[in-house]
Amino acid sequence: MLLVFGLNYLALLACCLGMARHHRALLGQPPSSRRVALLRGAAALGATGALGVCIHQQGGEVGTVLWGCLLMLSGILLVALLAWRPRWALPLAVGAPLAGGAIALLGAS
């Protein structure tokens, strides 16, 4: 489930970075229109991937509900980080999906 949480967090962060205010706060410059389109596409791809993983692991009904819950929890964490520790938001976006993927691979074997 850490993989789904990490992908949801990554998707929400990409969505936030598509906004000029958050992009400027985290990366120091406003995003170009091409970067905004890429970030929005990455956000949709990440959320869809997380939903697919969750449905594959838990089934359709439970997986969808669990994905929604993990999406809300990752959103709460992202909002808290952007409000209090914005510089922690980017390293967590890299670490959470990698840790979740490693745990999923170790648990599958």
N, C-alpha and C. Protein backbone atom coordinates (compact mmCIF):
# COMPACT_ATOMS: atom_id res chain seq x y z
N MET A 1 0.81 -1.19 0.00
CA MET A 1 0.00 0.00 0.00
C MET A 1 0.86 1.26 0.00
N LEU A 2 2.11 1.12 0.43
CA LEU A 2 3.00 2.29 0.40
C LEU A 2 3.26 2.73 -1.04
N LEU A 3 3.26 1.78 -1.96
CA LEU A 3 3.44 2.13 -3.37
C LEU A 3 2.26 2.97 -3.86
N VAL A 4 1.04 2.59 -3.51
CA VAL A 4 -0.14 3.35 -3.91
C VAL A 4 -0.12 4.73 -3.26
N PHE A 5 0.24 4.78 -1.98
CA PHE A 5 0.35 6.07 -1.29
C PHE A 5 1.38 6.95 -1.97
N GLY A 6 2.54 6.39 -2.30
CA GLY A 6 3.59 7.16 -2.95
C GLY A 6 3.21 7.65 -4.32
N LEU A 7 2.53 6.81 -5.10
CA LEU A 7 2.09 7.24 -6.43
C LEU A 7 1.02 8.33 -6.33
N ASN A 8 0.12 8.19 -5.36
CA ASN A 8 -0.89 9.23 -5.15
C ASN A 8 -0.23 10.55 -4.73
N TYR A 9 0.73 10.46 -3.84
CA TYR A 9 1.44 11.66 -3.39
C TYR A 9 2.18 12.31 -4.57
N LEU A 10 2.83 11.49 -5.36
CA LEU A 10 3.55 12.00 -6.53
C LEU A 10 2.59 12.67 -7.52
N ALA A 11 1.43 12.06 -7.71
CA ALA A 11 0.44 12.63 -8.62
C ALA A 11 -0.07 13.98 -8.10
N LEU A 12 -0.35 14.05 -6.82
CA LEU A 12 -0.84 15.31 -6.26
C LEU A 12 0.24 16.39 -6.27
N LEU A 13 1.48 16.00 -6.03
CA LEU A 13 2.57 16.97 -6.10
C LEU A 13 2.75 17.48 -7.52
N ALA A 14 2.65 16.60 -8.50
CA ALA A 14 2.74 17.04 -9.90
C ALA A 14 1.61 18.00 -10.23
N CYS A 15 0.43 17.72 -9.70
CA CYS A 15 -0.71 18.63 -9.91
C CYS A 15 -0.44 19.99 -9.26
N CYS A 16 0.12 19.97 -8.06
CA CYS A 16 0.46 21.23 -7.37
C CYS A 16 1.55 22.00 -8.12
N LEU A 17 2.54 21.28 -8.64
CA LEU A 17 3.62 21.95 -9.35
C LEU A 17 3.14 22.53 -10.67
N GLY A 18 2.00 22.11 -11.14
CA GLY A 18 1.41 22.70 -12.33
C GLY A 18 0.84 24.09 -12.07
N MET A 19 0.75 24.47 -10.81
CA MET A 19 0.29 25.81 -10.45
C MET A 19 1.50 26.72 -10.23
N ALA A 20 1.42 27.92 -10.71
CA ALA A 20 2.57 28.84 -10.67
C ALA A 20 3.03 29.11 -9.23
N ARG A 21 2.10 29.25 -8.31
CA ARG A 21 2.48 29.60 -6.93
C ARG A 21 3.34 28.50 -6.30
N HIS A 22 2.91 27.26 -6.41
CA HIS A 22 3.65 26.17 -5.79
C HIS A 22 4.94 25.88 -6.55
N HIS A 23 4.91 26.01 -7.86
CA HIS A 23 6.11 25.79 -8.66
C HIS A 23 7.17 26.82 -8.29
N ARG A 24 6.76 28.05 -8.14
CA ARG A 24 7.70 29.11 -7.77
C ARG A 24 8.23 28.89 -6.35
N ALA A 25 7.37 28.45 -5.43
CA ALA A 25 7.80 28.24 -4.05
C ALA A 25 8.78 27.08 -3.93
N LEU A 26 8.57 26.02 -4.70
CA LEU A 26 9.42 24.84 -4.56
C LEU A 26 10.63 24.85 -5.49
N LEU A 27 10.48 25.43 -6.67
CA LEU A 27 11.57 25.37 -7.65
C LEU A 27 12.15 26.73 -8.00
N GLY A 28 11.57 27.82 -7.50
CA GLY A 28 12.15 29.14 -7.67
C GLY A 28 11.79 29.89 -8.93
N GLN A 29 10.99 29.32 -9.79
CA GLN A 29 10.61 30.00 -11.03
C GLN A 29 9.21 29.55 -11.45
N PRO A 30 8.50 30.37 -12.19
CA PRO A 30 7.18 29.95 -12.66
C PRO A 30 7.32 28.90 -13.77
N PRO A 31 6.36 28.00 -13.90
CA PRO A 31 6.47 26.96 -14.92
C PRO A 31 6.11 27.48 -16.31
N SER A 32 6.72 26.88 -17.30
CA SER A 32 6.34 27.20 -18.68
C SER A 32 5.03 26.47 -19.00
N SER A 33 4.39 26.87 -20.07
CA SER A 33 3.12 26.23 -20.43
C SER A 33 3.33 24.76 -20.81
N ARG A 34 4.47 24.45 -21.41
CA ARG A 34 4.76 23.05 -21.74
C ARG A 34 4.96 22.22 -20.48
N ARG A 35 5.66 22.78 -19.50
CA ARG A 35 5.89 22.07 -18.25
C ARG A 35 4.58 21.85 -17.50
N VAL A 36 3.68 22.83 -17.55
CA VAL A 36 2.37 22.68 -16.90
C VAL A 36 1.62 21.51 -17.52
N ALA A 37 1.65 21.42 -18.85
CA ALA A 37 0.97 20.31 -19.52
C ALA A 37 1.59 18.97 -19.16
N LEU A 38 2.93 18.91 -19.09
CA LEU A 38 3.61 17.68 -18.71
C LEU A 38 3.29 17.29 -17.27
N LEU A 39 3.27 18.26 -16.37
CA LEU A 39 2.97 17.97 -14.97
C LEU A 39 1.54 17.48 -14.80
N ARG A 40 0.62 18.08 -15.51
CA ARG A 40 -0.78 17.63 -15.42
C ARG A 40 -0.94 16.22 -15.99
N GLY A 41 -0.24 15.94 -17.06
CA GLY A 41 -0.27 14.58 -17.62
C GLY A 41 0.35 13.57 -16.67
N ALA A 42 1.46 13.95 -16.03
CA ALA A 42 2.09 13.07 -15.05
C ALA A 42 1.18 12.84 -13.86
N ALA A 43 0.45 13.87 -13.46
CA ALA A 43 -0.48 13.72 -12.34
C ALA A 43 -1.59 12.73 -12.68
N ALA A 44 -2.14 12.84 -13.87
CA ALA A 44 -3.19 11.91 -14.29
C ALA A 44 -2.65 10.49 -14.41
N LEU A 45 -1.45 10.36 -14.96
CA LEU A 45 -0.84 9.05 -15.12
C LEU A 45 -0.53 8.41 -13.76
N GLY A 46 -0.02 9.21 -12.82
CA GLY A 46 0.29 8.69 -11.50
C GLY A 46 -0.94 8.24 -10.74
N ALA A 47 -1.99 9.04 -10.79
CA ALA A 47 -3.23 8.67 -10.10
C ALA A 47 -3.86 7.44 -10.73
N THR A 48 -3.83 7.35 -12.04
CA THR A 48 -4.38 6.19 -12.73
C THR A 48 -3.55 4.94 -12.44
N GLY A 49 -2.25 5.09 -12.40
CA GLY A 49 -1.38 3.96 -12.05
C GLY A 49 -1.61 3.48 -10.64
N ALA A 50 -1.78 4.41 -9.71
CA ALA A 50 -2.05 4.04 -8.32
C ALA A 50 -3.39 3.31 -8.21
N LEU A 51 -4.38 3.78 -8.95
CA LEU A 51 -5.68 3.11 -8.94
C LEU A 51 -5.56 1.71 -9.52
N GLY A 52 -4.81 1.56 -10.59
CA GLY A 52 -4.62 0.25 -11.18
C GLY A 52 -3.93 -0.72 -10.24
N VAL A 53 -2.90 -0.26 -9.56
CA VAL A 53 -2.19 -1.12 -8.60
C VAL A 53 -3.13 -1.53 -7.47
N CYS A 54 -3.90 -0.57 -6.97
CA CYS A 54 -4.80 -0.84 -5.85
C CYS A 54 -5.90 -1.83 -6.26
N ILE A 55 -6.45 -1.66 -7.44
CA ILE A 55 -7.48 -2.58 -7.91
C ILE A 55 -6.88 -3.97 -8.15
N HIS A 56 -5.67 -4.03 -8.67
CA HIS A 56 -5.01 -5.31 -8.90
C HIS A 56 -4.78 -6.05 -7.59
N GLN A 57 -4.39 -5.33 -6.54
CA GLN A 57 -4.07 -5.97 -5.27
C GLN A 57 -5.31 -6.31 -4.45
N GLN A 58 -6.33 -5.44 -4.48
CA GLN A 58 -7.45 -5.59 -3.56
C GLN A 58 -8.77 -5.96 -4.22
N GLY A 59 -8.84 -5.92 -5.53
CA GLY A 59 -10.11 -6.14 -6.21
C GLY A 59 -10.77 -4.79 -6.51
N GLY A 60 -11.83 -4.84 -7.30
CA GLY A 60 -12.45 -3.61 -7.78
C GLY A 60 -13.10 -2.77 -6.71
N GLU A 61 -13.93 -3.37 -5.88
CA GLU A 61 -14.70 -2.58 -4.91
C GLU A 61 -13.80 -2.05 -3.80
N VAL A 62 -13.08 -2.95 -3.14
CA VAL A 62 -12.22 -2.55 -2.02
C VAL A 62 -11.05 -1.71 -2.51
N GLY A 63 -10.50 -2.06 -3.66
CA GLY A 63 -9.36 -1.32 -4.20
C GLY A 63 -9.69 0.13 -4.50
N THR A 64 -10.88 0.37 -5.04
CA THR A 64 -11.27 1.75 -5.36
C THR A 64 -11.45 2.57 -4.10
N VAL A 65 -12.08 1.99 -3.09
CA VAL A 65 -12.28 2.71 -1.83
C VAL A 65 -10.94 2.96 -1.14
N LEU A 66 -10.09 1.94 -1.13
CA LEU A 66 -8.78 2.09 -0.51
C LEU A 66 -7.95 3.14 -1.23
N TRP A 67 -8.02 3.16 -2.57
CA TRP A 67 -7.30 4.17 -3.35
C TRP A 67 -7.78 5.58 -2.98
N GLY A 68 -9.10 5.74 -2.85
CA GLY A 68 -9.64 7.05 -2.47
C GLY A 68 -9.16 7.49 -1.10
N CYS A 69 -9.11 6.54 -0.17
CA CYS A 69 -8.62 6.87 1.18
C CYS A 69 -7.15 7.25 1.15
N LEU A 70 -6.35 6.49 0.42
CA LEU A 70 -4.92 6.80 0.32
C LEU A 70 -4.69 8.11 -0.42
N LEU A 71 -5.54 8.42 -1.39
CA LEU A 71 -5.45 9.70 -2.08
C LEU A 71 -5.70 10.85 -1.11
N MET A 72 -6.71 10.70 -0.26
CA MET A 72 -7.00 11.75 0.72
C MET A 72 -5.86 11.89 1.74
N LEU A 73 -5.32 10.77 2.21
CA LEU A 73 -4.23 10.84 3.18
C LEU A 73 -2.98 11.47 2.58
N SER A 74 -2.67 11.13 1.34
CA SER A 74 -1.50 11.75 0.71
C SER A 74 -1.75 13.23 0.46
N GLY A 75 -2.99 13.60 0.16
CA GLY A 75 -3.31 15.02 0.00
C GLY A 75 -3.17 15.79 1.30
N ILE A 76 -3.59 15.19 2.41
CA ILE A 76 -3.44 15.84 3.71
C ILE A 76 -1.97 16.04 4.03
N LEU A 77 -1.16 15.00 3.77
CA LEU A 77 0.28 15.12 4.02
C LEU A 77 0.89 16.20 3.15
N LEU A 78 0.51 16.25 1.89
CA LEU A 78 1.07 17.26 0.98
C LEU A 78 0.68 18.66 1.41
N VAL A 79 -0.56 18.87 1.79
CA VAL A 79 -1.00 20.19 2.25
C VAL A 79 -0.22 20.60 3.50
N ALA A 80 -0.04 19.66 4.42
CA ALA A 80 0.71 19.97 5.64
C ALA A 80 2.16 20.32 5.31
N LEU A 81 2.77 19.56 4.41
CA LEU A 81 4.15 19.86 4.05
C LEU A 81 4.27 21.18 3.33
N LEU A 82 3.36 21.48 2.42
CA LEU A 82 3.43 22.75 1.70
C LEU A 82 3.21 23.94 2.63
N ALA A 83 2.45 23.73 3.70
CA ALA A 83 2.20 24.82 4.64
C ALA A 83 3.36 25.01 5.62
N TRP A 84 3.94 23.91 6.11
CA TRP A 84 4.93 24.04 7.18
C TRP A 84 6.36 23.76 6.75
N ARG A 85 6.59 22.77 5.93
CA ARG A 85 7.93 22.40 5.49
C ARG A 85 7.94 22.16 3.98
N PRO A 86 7.84 23.21 3.18
CA PRO A 86 7.73 23.00 1.73
C PRO A 86 8.94 22.32 1.10
N ARG A 87 10.11 22.45 1.67
CA ARG A 87 11.30 21.83 1.08
C ARG A 87 11.33 20.32 1.29
N TRP A 88 10.49 19.78 2.17
CA TRP A 88 10.42 18.34 2.38
C TRP A 88 9.52 17.67 1.35
N ALA A 89 8.75 18.45 0.61
CA ALA A 89 7.76 17.87 -0.31
C ALA A 89 8.43 17.14 -1.47
N LEU A 90 9.47 17.70 -2.04
CA LEU A 90 10.13 17.07 -3.19
C LEU A 90 10.88 15.78 -2.84
N PRO A 91 11.68 15.75 -1.76
CA PRO A 91 12.35 14.48 -1.44
C PRO A 91 11.37 13.35 -1.10
N LEU A 92 10.27 13.67 -0.47
CA LEU A 92 9.28 12.64 -0.17
C LEU A 92 8.63 12.10 -1.44
N ALA A 93 8.50 12.95 -2.46
CA ALA A 93 7.92 12.51 -3.73
C ALA A 93 8.81 11.49 -4.42
N VAL A 94 10.10 11.55 -4.17
CA VAL A 94 11.01 10.56 -4.74
C VAL A 94 11.08 9.33 -3.86
N GLY A 95 11.14 9.55 -2.56
CA GLY A 95 11.36 8.44 -1.62
C GLY A 95 10.18 7.51 -1.43
N ALA A 96 8.98 8.04 -1.34
CA ALA A 96 7.82 7.19 -1.05
C ALA A 96 7.52 6.18 -2.16
N PRO A 97 7.47 6.58 -3.43
CA PRO A 97 7.23 5.56 -4.46
C PRO A 97 8.36 4.54 -4.58
N LEU A 98 9.62 4.99 -4.39
CA LEU A 98 10.73 4.05 -4.46
C LEU A 98 10.69 3.05 -3.31
N ALA A 99 10.41 3.54 -2.12
CA ALA A 99 10.31 2.63 -0.97
C ALA A 99 9.13 1.69 -1.14
N GLY A 100 8.01 2.20 -1.61
CA GLY A 100 6.85 1.35 -1.83
C GLY A 100 7.10 0.30 -2.89
N GLY A 101 7.77 0.67 -3.96
CA GLY A 101 8.10 -0.29 -5.01
C GLY A 101 9.06 -1.36 -4.52
N ALA A 102 10.05 -0.95 -3.73
CA ALA A 102 11.00 -1.92 -3.19
C ALA A 102 10.30 -2.89 -2.24
N ILE A 103 9.44 -2.38 -1.39
CA ILE A 103 8.70 -3.25 -0.47
C ILE A 103 7.78 -4.19 -1.23
N ALA A 104 7.14 -3.67 -2.28
CA ALA A 104 6.25 -4.53 -3.08
C ALA A 104 7.04 -5.63 -3.79
N LEU A 105 8.23 -5.31 -4.30
CA LEU A 105 9.03 -6.33 -4.96
C LEU A 105 9.57 -7.36 -3.97
N LEU A 106 9.97 -6.92 -2.80
CA LEU A 106 10.48 -7.86 -1.79
C LEU A 106 9.36 -8.74 -1.24
N GLY A 107 8.16 -8.17 -1.13
CA GLY A 107 7.04 -8.95 -0.62
C GLY A 107 6.50 -9.92 -1.63
N ALA A 108 6.70 -9.66 -2.92
CA ALA A 108 6.16 -10.53 -3.96
C ALA A 108 7.00 -11.80 -4.11
N SER A 109 8.27 -11.76 -3.71
CA SER A 109 9.12 -12.94 -3.91
C SER A 109 9.14 -13.86 -2.73
